[in-house]
Amino acid sequence: MMSLSKILLLALVIGVVWFGWRWINRVQAIGRARTTPRRTDGRRDAAAGPSPREARTSAAAEAEDMEKCPECGAYVAPRSAVSCGRPACPYGR
């Protein structure tokens, strides 16, 4: 015979299984959405952006050495440096 505690335990187990199943499906859907822009022939869609390998090589090609600012002492990239706010800062011009 089914008592109230057995029915509640059964409902709890069913609820845990149900919500666990929904969570697993959601995680799998997110994973599929991340891999959808990749094509099966190895090429990528133009809207997906550069591949990770292309991004690393282009980032390495655009790297530049840091220089120490003579006014404040901070290390900055000379081509993209902005003024530190001090009057004699050479990067504020």
PDB file of N, CA and C in Angstrom:
ATOM      1  N   MET A   1       0.842  -1.167   0.000  1.00  0.00           N
ATOM      2  CA  MET A   1       0.000   0.000   0.000  1.00  0.00           C
ATOM      3  C   MET A   1       0.893   1.238   0.000  1.00  0.00           C
ATOM      4  N   MET A   2       0.464   2.252  -0.731  1.00  0.00           N
ATOM      5  CA  MET A   2       1.229   3.493  -0.860  1.00  0.00           C
ATOM      6  C   MET A   2       0.844   4.445   0.266  1.00  0.00           C
ATOM      7  N   SER A   3       1.848   4.869   1.006  1.00  0.00           N
ATOM      8  CA  SER A   3       1.606   5.854   2.044  1.00  0.00           C
ATOM      9  C   SER A   3       1.925   7.245   1.484  1.00  0.00           C
ATOM     10  N   LEU A   4       1.589   8.261   2.207  1.00  0.00           N
ATOM     11  CA  LEU A   4       1.810   9.638   1.778  1.00  0.00           C
ATOM     12  C   LEU A   4       3.297   9.924   1.609  1.00  0.00           C
ATOM     13  N   SER A   5       4.133   9.394   2.483  1.00  0.00           N
ATOM     14  CA  SER A   5       5.571   9.645   2.381  1.00  0.00           C
ATOM     15  C   SER A   5       6.152   9.001   1.123  1.00  0.00           C
ATOM     16  N   LYS A   6       5.665   7.827   0.747  1.00  0.00           N
ATOM     17  CA  LYS A   6       6.141   7.179  -0.472  1.00  0.00           C
ATOM     18  C   LYS A   6       5.715   7.958  -1.713  1.00  0.00           C
ATOM     19  N   ILE A   7       4.523   8.482  -1.696  1.00  0.00           N
ATOM     20  CA  ILE A   7       4.036   9.277  -2.831  1.00  0.00           C
ATOM     21  C   ILE A   7       4.839  10.562  -2.960  1.00  0.00           C
ATOM     22  N   LEU A   8       5.131  11.229  -1.846  1.00  0.00           N
ATOM     23  CA  LEU A   8       5.928  12.450  -1.880  1.00  0.00           C
ATOM     24  C   LEU A   8       7.354  12.165  -2.349  1.00  0.00           C
ATOM     25  N   LEU A   9       7.932  11.059  -1.889  1.00  0.00           N
ATOM     26  CA  LEU A   9       9.272  10.689  -2.333  1.00  0.00           C
ATOM     27  C   LEU A   9       9.285  10.379  -3.826  1.00  0.00           C
ATOM     28  N   LEU A  10       8.279   9.704  -4.324  1.00  0.00           N
ATOM     29  CA  LEU A  10       8.175   9.412  -5.749  1.00  0.00           C
ATOM     30  C   LEU A  10       8.037  10.700  -6.554  1.00  0.00           C
ATOM     31  N   ALA A  11       7.236  11.644  -6.081  1.00  0.00           N
ATOM     32  CA  ALA A  11       7.072  12.932  -6.769  1.00  0.00           C
ATOM     33  C   ALA A  11       8.385  13.698  -6.763  1.00  0.00           C
ATOM     34  N   LEU A  12       9.126  13.646  -5.671  1.00  0.00           N
ATOM     35  CA  LEU A  12      10.416  14.321  -5.586  1.00  0.00           C
ATOM     36  C   LEU A  12      11.417  13.711  -6.569  1.00  0.00           C
ATOM     37  N   VAL A  13      11.474  12.399  -6.651  1.00  0.00           N
ATOM     38  CA  VAL A  13      12.382  11.725  -7.577  1.00  0.00           C
ATOM     39  C   VAL A  13      12.023  12.067  -9.013  1.00  0.00           C
ATOM     40  N   ILE A  14      10.747  12.052  -9.339  1.00  0.00           N
ATOM     41  CA  ILE A  14      10.298  12.403 -10.693  1.00  0.00           C
ATOM     42  C   ILE A  14      10.654  13.848 -11.009  1.00  0.00           C
ATOM     43  N   GLY A  15      10.479  14.750 -10.053  1.00  0.00           N
ATOM     44  CA  GLY A  15      10.835  16.155 -10.261  1.00  0.00           C
ATOM     45  C   GLY A  15      12.325  16.342 -10.487  1.00  0.00           C
ATOM     46  N   VAL A  16      13.154  15.652  -9.711  1.00  0.00           N
ATOM     47  CA  VAL A  16      14.610  15.760  -9.879  1.00  0.00           C
ATOM     48  C   VAL A  16      15.020  15.232 -11.252  1.00  0.00           C
ATOM     49  N   VAL A  17      14.469  14.112 -11.660  1.00  0.00           N
ATOM     50  CA  VAL A  17      14.789  13.555 -12.976  1.00  0.00           C
ATOM     51  C   VAL A  17      14.326  14.506 -14.078  1.00  0.00           C
ATOM     52  N   TRP A  18      13.142  15.061 -13.942  1.00  0.00           N
ATOM     53  CA  TRP A  18      12.602  15.965 -14.961  1.00  0.00           C
ATOM     54  C   TRP A  18      13.468  17.213 -15.122  1.00  0.00           C
ATOM     55  N   PHE A  19      13.804  17.875 -14.006  1.00  0.00           N
ATOM     56  CA  PHE A  19      14.608  19.091 -14.087  1.00  0.00           C
ATOM     57  C   PHE A  19      16.056  18.783 -14.494  1.00  0.00           C
ATOM     58  N   GLY A  20      16.576  17.635 -14.101  1.00  0.00           N
ATOM     59  CA  GLY A  20      17.901  17.232 -14.547  1.00  0.00           C
ATOM     60  C   GLY A  20      17.936  17.014 -16.051  1.00  0.00           C
ATOM     61  N   TRP A  21      16.896  16.393 -16.583  1.00  0.00           N
ATOM     62  CA  TRP A  21      16.804  16.167 -18.027  1.00  0.00           C
ATOM     63  C   TRP A  21      16.724  17.494 -18.783  1.00  0.00           C
ATOM     64  N   ARG A  22      15.961  18.437 -18.281  1.00  0.00           N
ATOM     65  CA  ARG A  22      15.860  19.747 -18.925  1.00  0.00           C
ATOM     66  C   ARG A  22      17.200  20.473 -18.896  1.00  0.00           C
ATOM     67  N   TRP A  23      17.936  20.371 -17.782  1.00  0.00           N
ATOM     68  CA  TRP A  23      19.238  21.024 -17.661  1.00  0.00           C
ATOM     69  C   TRP A  23      20.228  20.423 -18.646  1.00  0.00           C
ATOM     70  N   ILE A  24      20.253  19.105 -18.768  1.00  0.00           N
ATOM     71  CA  ILE A  24      21.166  18.445 -19.709  1.00  0.00           C
ATOM     72  C   ILE A  24      20.847  18.864 -21.137  1.00  0.00           C
ATOM     73  N   ASN A  25      19.581  18.919 -21.494  1.00  0.00           N
ATOM     74  CA  ASN A  25      19.199  19.347 -22.846  1.00  0.00           C
ATOM     75  C   ASN A  25      19.598  20.791 -23.108  1.00  0.00           C
ATOM     76  N   ARG A  26      19.485  21.651 -22.106  1.00  0.00           N
ATOM     77  CA  ARG A  26      19.871  23.047 -22.270  1.00  0.00           C
ATOM     78  C   ARG A  26      21.377  23.174 -22.497  1.00  0.00           C
ATOM     79  N   VAL A  27      22.176  22.419 -21.742  1.00  0.00           N
ATOM     80  CA  VAL A  27      23.627  22.447 -21.907  1.00  0.00           C
ATOM     81  C   VAL A  27      24.003  21.948 -23.300  1.00  0.00           C
ATOM     82  N   GLN A  28      23.367  20.896 -23.769  1.00  0.00           N
ATOM     83  CA  GLN A  28      23.647  20.374 -25.099  1.00  0.00           C
ATOM     84  C   GLN A  28      23.246  21.366 -26.181  1.00  0.00           C
ATOM     85  N   ALA A  29      22.143  22.078 -25.996  1.00  0.00           N
ATOM     86  CA  ALA A  29      21.714  23.073 -26.981  1.00  0.00           C
ATOM     87  C   ALA A  29      22.718  24.213 -27.068  1.00  0.00           C
ATOM     88  N   ILE A  30      23.257  24.635 -25.950  1.00  0.00           N
ATOM     89  CA  ILE A  30      24.267  25.692 -25.944  1.00  0.00           C
ATOM     90  C   ILE A  30      25.517  25.210 -26.662  1.00  0.00           C
ATOM     91  N   GLY A  31      25.905  23.971 -26.420  1.00  0.00           N
ATOM     92  CA  GLY A  31      27.062  23.410 -27.103  1.00  0.00           C
ATOM     93  C   GLY A  31      26.860  23.319 -28.601  1.00  0.00           C
ATOM     94  N   ARG A  32      25.662  22.935 -29.025  1.00  0.00           N
ATOM     95  CA  ARG A  32      25.364  22.880 -30.462  1.00  0.00           C
ATOM     96  C   ARG A  32      25.363  24.276 -31.063  1.00  0.00           C
ATOM     97  N   ALA A  33      24.874  25.262 -30.333  1.00  0.00           N
ATOM     98  CA  ALA A  33      24.843  26.631 -30.857  1.00  0.00           C
ATOM     99  C   ALA A  33      26.256  27.176 -31.043  1.00  0.00           C
ATOM    100  N   ARG A  34      27.176  26.766 -30.191  1.00  0.00           N
ATOM    101  CA  ARG A  34      28.561  27.227 -30.334  1.00  0.00           C
ATOM    102  C   ARG A  34      29.239  26.603 -31.539  1.00  0.00           C
ATOM    103  N   THR A  35      28.882  25.387 -31.884  1.00  0.00           N
ATOM    104  CA  THR A  35      29.543  24.703 -32.993  1.00  0.00           C
ATOM    105  C   THR A  35      28.795  24.846 -34.306  1.00  0.00           C
ATOM    106  N   THR A  36      27.636  25.457 -34.330  1.00  0.00           N
ATOM    107  CA  THR A  36      26.850  25.596 -35.558  1.00  0.00           C
ATOM    108  C   THR A  36      27.550  26.410 -36.637  1.00  0.00           C
ATOM    109  N   PRO A  37      28.251  27.519 -36.339  1.00  0.00           N
ATOM    110  CA  PRO A  37      28.873  28.294 -37.416  1.00  0.00           C
ATOM    111  C   PRO A  37      29.940  27.526 -38.190  1.00  0.00           C
ATOM    112  N   ARG A  38      30.488  26.465 -37.619  1.00  0.00           N
ATOM    113  CA  ARG A  38      31.495  25.692 -38.327  1.00  0.00           C
ATOM    114  C   ARG A  38      30.828  24.835 -39.386  1.00  0.00           C
ATOM    115  N   ARG A  39      31.438  24.764 -40.531  1.00  0.00           N
ATOM    116  CA  ARG A  39      30.899  23.946 -41.603  1.00  0.00           C
ATOM    117  C   ARG A  39      31.526  22.563 -41.539  1.00  0.00           C
ATOM    118  N   THR A  40      30.882  21.620 -42.196  1.00  0.00           N
ATOM    119  CA  THR A  40      31.384  20.253 -42.175  1.00  0.00           C
ATOM    120  C   THR A  40      32.589  20.073 -43.080  1.00  0.00           C
ATOM    121  N   ASP A  41      32.784  20.953 -44.068  1.00  0.00           N
ATOM    122  CA  ASP A  41      33.913  20.809 -44.977  1.00  0.00           C
ATOM    123  C   ASP A  41      35.169  21.505 -44.454  1.00  0.00           C
ATOM    124  N   GLY A  42      35.149  22.003 -43.238  1.00  0.00           N
ATOM    125  CA  GLY A  42      36.333  22.614 -42.642  1.00  0.00           C
ATOM    126  C   GLY A  42      36.388  24.114 -42.805  1.00  0.00           C
ATOM    127  N   ARG A  43      35.618  24.664 -43.729  1.00  0.00           N
ATOM    128  CA  ARG A  43      35.619  26.121 -43.888  1.00  0.00           C
ATOM    129  C   ARG A  43      34.665  26.731 -42.892  1.00  0.00           C
ATOM    130  N   ARG A  44      34.876  28.003 -42.613  1.00  0.00           N
ATOM    131  CA  ARG A  44      34.010  28.702 -41.662  1.00  0.00           C
ATOM    132  C   ARG A  44      33.204  29.755 -42.393  1.00  0.00           C
ATOM    133  N   ASP A  45      32.051  30.073 -41.838  1.00  0.00           N
ATOM    134  CA  ASP A  45      31.238  31.152 -42.390  1.00  0.00           C
ATOM    135  C   ASP A  45      31.940  32.479 -42.145  1.00  0.00           C
ATOM    136  N   ALA A  46      31.748  33.423 -43.040  1.00  0.00           N
ATOM    137  CA  ALA A  46      32.384  34.728 -42.885  1.00  0.00           C
ATOM    138  C   ALA A  46      31.837  35.451 -41.655  1.00  0.00           C
ATOM    139  N   ALA A  47      30.567  35.229 -41.322  1.00  0.00           N
ATOM    140  CA  ALA A  47      29.961  35.902 -40.170  1.00  0.00           C
ATOM    141  C   ALA A  47      30.488  35.351 -38.850  1.00  0.00           C
ATOM    142  N   ALA A  48      31.086  34.166 -38.860  1.00  0.00           N
ATOM    143  CA  ALA A  48      31.574  33.567 -37.627  1.00  0.00           C
ATOM    144  C   ALA A  48      32.873  34.193 -37.161  1.00  0.00           C
ATOM    145  N   GLY A  49      33.541  34.970 -38.016  1.00  0.00           N
ATOM    146  CA  GLY A  49      34.787  35.611 -37.643  1.00  0.00           C
ATOM    147  C   GLY A  49      35.965  34.704 -37.908  1.00  0.00           C
ATOM    148  N   PRO A  50      37.152  35.158 -37.542  1.00  0.00           N
ATOM    149  CA  PRO A  50      38.339  34.349 -37.812  1.00  0.00           C
ATOM    150  C   PRO A  50      38.393  33.126 -36.907  1.00  0.00           C
ATOM    151  N   SER A  51      39.043  32.087 -37.398  1.00  0.00           N
ATOM    152  CA  SER A  51      39.225  30.897 -36.578  1.00  0.00           C
ATOM    153  C   SER A  51      40.212  31.223 -35.465  1.00  0.00           C
ATOM    154  N   PRO A  52      40.245  30.427 -34.411  1.00  0.00           N
ATOM    155  CA  PRO A  52      41.194  30.699 -33.320  1.00  0.00           C
ATOM    156  C   PRO A  52      42.646  30.719 -33.797  1.00  0.00           C
ATOM    157  N   ARG A  53      42.994  29.859 -34.748  1.00  0.00           N
ATOM    158  CA  ARG A  53      44.363  29.853 -35.261  1.00  0.00           C
ATOM    159  C   ARG A  53      44.659  31.143 -36.003  1.00  0.00           C
ATOM    160  N   GLU A  54      43.704  31.606 -36.833  1.00  0.00           N
ATOM    161  CA  GLU A  54      43.908  32.862 -37.558  1.00  0.00           C
ATOM    162  C   GLU A  54      43.999  34.035 -36.603  1.00  0.00           C
ATOM    163  N   ALA A  55      43.226  34.010 -35.528  1.00  0.00           N
ATOM    164  CA  ALA A  55      43.249  35.096 -34.551  1.00  0.00           C
ATOM    165  C   ALA A  55      44.595  35.150 -33.845  1.00  0.00           C
ATOM    166  N   ARG A  56      45.170  33.983 -33.520  1.00  0.00           N
ATOM    167  CA  ARG A  56      46.470  33.968 -32.851  1.00  0.00           C
ATOM    168  C   ARG A  56      47.556  34.500 -33.768  1.00  0.00           C
ATOM    169  N   THR A  57      47.544  34.096 -35.045  1.00  0.00           N
ATOM    170  CA  THR A  57      48.602  34.543 -35.943  1.00  0.00           C
ATOM    171  C   THR A  57      48.472  36.021 -36.248  1.00  0.00           C
ATOM    172  N   SER A  58      47.256  36.524 -36.376  1.00  0.00           N
ATOM    173  CA  SER A  58      47.104  37.953 -36.644  1.00  0.00           C
ATOM    174  C   SER A  58      47.460  38.780 -35.410  1.00  0.00           C
ATOM    175  N   ALA A  59      47.161  38.256 -34.219  1.00  0.00           N
ATOM    176  CA  ALA A  59      47.521  38.975 -32.994  1.00  0.00           C
ATOM    177  C   ALA A  59      49.033  38.998 -32.822  1.00  0.00           C
ATOM    178  N   ALA A  60      49.686  37.915 -33.187  1.00  0.00           N
ATOM    179  CA  ALA A  60      51.141  37.878 -33.064  1.00  0.00           C
ATOM    180  C   ALA A  60      51.789  38.826 -34.063  1.00  0.00           C
ATOM    181  N   ALA A  61      51.196  38.990 -35.237  1.00  0.00           N
ATOM    182  CA  ALA A  61      51.754  39.879 -36.240  1.00  0.00           C
ATOM    183  C   ALA A  61      51.578  41.342 -35.834  1.00  0.00           C
ATOM    184  N   GLU A  62      50.588  41.647 -35.024  1.00  0.00           N
ATOM    185  CA  GLU A  62      50.301  43.026 -34.636  1.00  0.00           C
ATOM    186  C   GLU A  62      50.903  43.393 -33.276  1.00  0.00           C
ATOM    187  N   ALA A  63      51.670  42.511 -32.666  1.00  0.00           N
ATOM    188  CA  ALA A  63      52.241  42.793 -31.354  1.00  0.00           C
ATOM    189  C   ALA A  63      53.332  43.847 -31.473  1.00  0.00           C
ATOM    190  N   GLU A  64      53.460  44.651 -30.447  1.00  0.00           N
ATOM    191  CA  GLU A  64      54.511  45.662 -30.427  1.00  0.00           C
ATOM    192  C   GLU A  64      55.104  45.740 -29.036  1.00  0.00           C
ATOM    193  N   ASP A  65      56.321  46.197 -28.961  1.00  0.00           N
ATOM    194  CA  ASP A  65      57.016  46.301 -27.688  1.00  0.00           C
ATOM    195  C   ASP A  65      56.460  47.460 -26.867  1.00  0.00           C
ATOM    196  N   MET A  66      56.467  47.264 -25.555  1.00  0.00           N
ATOM    197  CA  MET A  66      56.023  48.309 -24.642  1.00  0.00           C
ATOM    198  C   MET A  66      57.202  49.216 -24.331  1.00  0.00           C
ATOM    199  N   GLU A  67      56.907  50.492 -24.126  1.00  0.00           N
ATOM    200  CA  GLU A  67      57.937  51.466 -23.760  1.00  0.00           C
ATOM    201  C   GLU A  67      57.536  52.135 -22.457  1.00  0.00           C
ATOM    202  N   LYS A  68      58.538  52.477 -21.689  1.00  0.00           N
ATOM    203  CA  LYS A  68      58.275  53.130 -20.412  1.00  0.00           C
ATOM    204  C   LYS A  68      58.079  54.622 -20.641  1.00  0.00           C
ATOM    205  N   CYS A  69      56.992  55.155 -20.110  1.00  0.00           N
ATOM    206  CA  CYS A  69      56.711  56.582 -20.225  1.00  0.00           C
ATOM    207  C   CYS A  69      57.709  57.341 -19.349  1.00  0.00           C
ATOM    208  N   PRO A  70      58.424  58.300 -19.909  1.00  0.00           N
ATOM    209  CA  PRO A  70      59.416  59.020 -19.107  1.00  0.00           C
ATOM    210  C   PRO A  70      58.785  59.892 -18.015  1.00  0.00           C
ATOM    211  N   GLU A  71      57.540  60.241 -18.153  1.00  0.00           N
ATOM    212  CA  GLU A  71      56.888  61.123 -17.178  1.00  0.00           C
ATOM    213  C   GLU A  71      56.314  60.354 -15.991  1.00  0.00           C
ATOM    214  N   CYS A  72      55.522  59.301 -16.262  1.00  0.00           N
ATOM    215  CA  CYS A  72      54.833  58.607 -15.167  1.00  0.00           C
ATOM    216  C   CYS A  72      55.425  57.234 -14.859  1.00  0.00           C
ATOM    217  N   GLY A  73      56.248  56.686 -15.779  1.00  0.00           N
ATOM    218  CA  GLY A  73      56.882  55.398 -15.523  1.00  0.00           C
ATOM    219  C   GLY A  73      56.042  54.198 -15.912  1.00  0.00           C
ATOM    220  N   ALA A  74      54.854  54.398 -16.435  1.00  0.00           N
ATOM    221  CA  ALA A  74      54.000  53.293 -16.851  1.00  0.00           C
ATOM    222  C   ALA A  74      54.455  52.772 -18.205  1.00  0.00           C
ATOM    223  N   TYR A  75      54.323  51.477 -18.429  1.00  0.00           N
ATOM    224  CA  TYR A  75      54.672  50.885 -19.714  1.00  0.00           C
ATOM    225  C   TYR A  75      53.456  50.945 -20.628  1.00  0.00           C
ATOM    226  N   VAL A  76      53.659  51.511 -21.819  1.00  0.00           N
ATOM    227  CA  VAL A  76      52.565  51.691 -22.774  1.00  0.00           C
ATOM    228  C   VAL A  76      53.009  51.233 -24.151  1.00  0.00           C
ATOM    229  N   ALA A  77      52.034  50.899 -24.997  1.00  0.00           N
ATOM    230  CA  ALA A  77      52.314  50.591 -26.397  1.00  0.00           C
ATOM    231  C   ALA A  77      52.361  51.931 -27.132  1.00  0.00           C
ATOM    232  N   PRO A  78      53.468  52.279 -27.777  1.00  0.00           N
ATOM    233  CA  PRO A  78      53.631  53.623 -28.335  1.00  0.00           C
ATOM    234  C   PRO A  78      52.572  54.021 -29.369  1.00  0.00           C
ATOM    235  N   ARG A  79      52.129  53.066 -30.210  1.00  0.00           N
ATOM    236  CA  ARG A  79      51.154  53.433 -31.251  1.00  0.00           C
ATOM    237  C   ARG A  79      49.752  53.669 -30.701  1.00  0.00           C
ATOM    238  N   SER A  80      49.420  53.047 -29.585  1.00  0.00           N
ATOM    239  CA  SER A  80      48.062  53.186 -29.069  1.00  0.00           C
ATOM    240  C   SER A  80      48.020  53.843 -27.691  1.00  0.00           C
ATOM    241  N   ALA A  81      49.074  54.508 -27.295  1.00  0.00           N
ATOM    242  CA  ALA A  81      49.132  55.116 -25.968  1.00  0.00           C
ATOM    243  C   ALA A  81      48.277  56.381 -25.907  1.00  0.00           C
ATOM    244  N   VAL A  82      47.741  56.633 -24.731  1.00  0.00           N
ATOM    245  CA  VAL A  82      46.982  57.862 -24.477  1.00  0.00           C
ATOM    246  C   VAL A  82      47.672  58.605 -23.338  1.00  0.00           C
ATOM    247  N   SER A  83      47.354  59.834 -23.215  1.00  0.00           N
ATOM    248  CA  SER A  83      47.985  60.678 -22.208  1.00  0.00           C
ATOM    249  C   SER A  83      47.650  60.203 -20.806  1.00  0.00           C
ATOM    250  N   CYS A  84      48.646  60.302 -19.905  1.00  0.00           N
ATOM    251  CA  CYS A  84      48.420  59.934 -18.505  1.00  0.00           C
ATOM    252  C   CYS A  84      47.843  61.113 -17.723  1.00  0.00           C
ATOM    253  N   GLY A  85      47.722  62.267 -18.366  1.00  0.00           N
ATOM    254  CA  GLY A  85      47.141  63.431 -17.719  1.00  0.00           C
ATOM    255  C   GLY A  85      48.153  64.405 -17.179  1.00  0.00           C
ATOM    256  N   ARG A  86      49.409  64.065 -17.232  1.00  0.00           N
ATOM    257  CA  ARG A  86      50.471  64.971 -16.767  1.00  0.00           C
ATOM    258  C   ARG A  86      50.873  65.898 -17.907  1.00  0.00           C
ATOM    259  N   PRO A  87      51.260  67.123 -17.581  1.00  0.00           N
ATOM    260  CA  PRO A  87      51.561  68.104 -18.641  1.00  0.00           C
ATOM    261  C   PRO A  87      52.697  67.698 -19.570  1.00  0.00           C
ATOM    262  N   ALA A  88      53.715  67.006 -19.088  1.00  0.00           N
ATOM    263  CA  ALA A  88      54.864  66.672 -19.910  1.00  0.00           C
ATOM    264  C   ALA A  88      54.763  65.296 -20.557  1.00  0.00           C
ATOM    265  N   CYS A  89      53.593  64.665 -20.533  1.00  0.00           N
ATOM    266  CA  CYS A  89      53.445  63.331 -21.088  1.00  0.00           C
ATOM    267  C   CYS A  89      53.643  63.378 -22.604  1.00  0.00           C
ATOM    268  N   PRO A  90      54.571  62.568 -23.148  1.00  0.00           N
ATOM    269  CA  PRO A  90      54.845  62.616 -24.585  1.00  0.00           C
ATOM    270  C   PRO A  90      53.752  61.964 -25.424  1.00  0.00           C
ATOM    271  N   TYR A  91      52.860  61.220 -24.801  1.00  0.00           N
ATOM    272  CA  TYR A  91      51.827  60.510 -25.570  1.00  0.00           C
ATOM    273  C   TYR A  91      50.525  61.290 -25.647  1.00  0.00           C
ATOM    274  N   GLY A  92      50.454  62.448 -25.056  1.00  0.00           N
ATOM    275  CA  GLY A  92      49.240  63.236 -25.065  1.00  0.00           C
ATOM    276  C   GLY A  92      49.158  64.214 -26.215  1.00  0.00           C
ATOM    277  N   ARG A  93      50.142  64.241 -27.045  1.00  0.00           N
ATOM    278  CA  ARG A  93      50.188  65.232 -28.125  1.00  0.00           C
ATOM    279  C   ARG A  93      49.386  64.802 -29.309  1.00  0.00           C
TER     280      ARG A  93
END
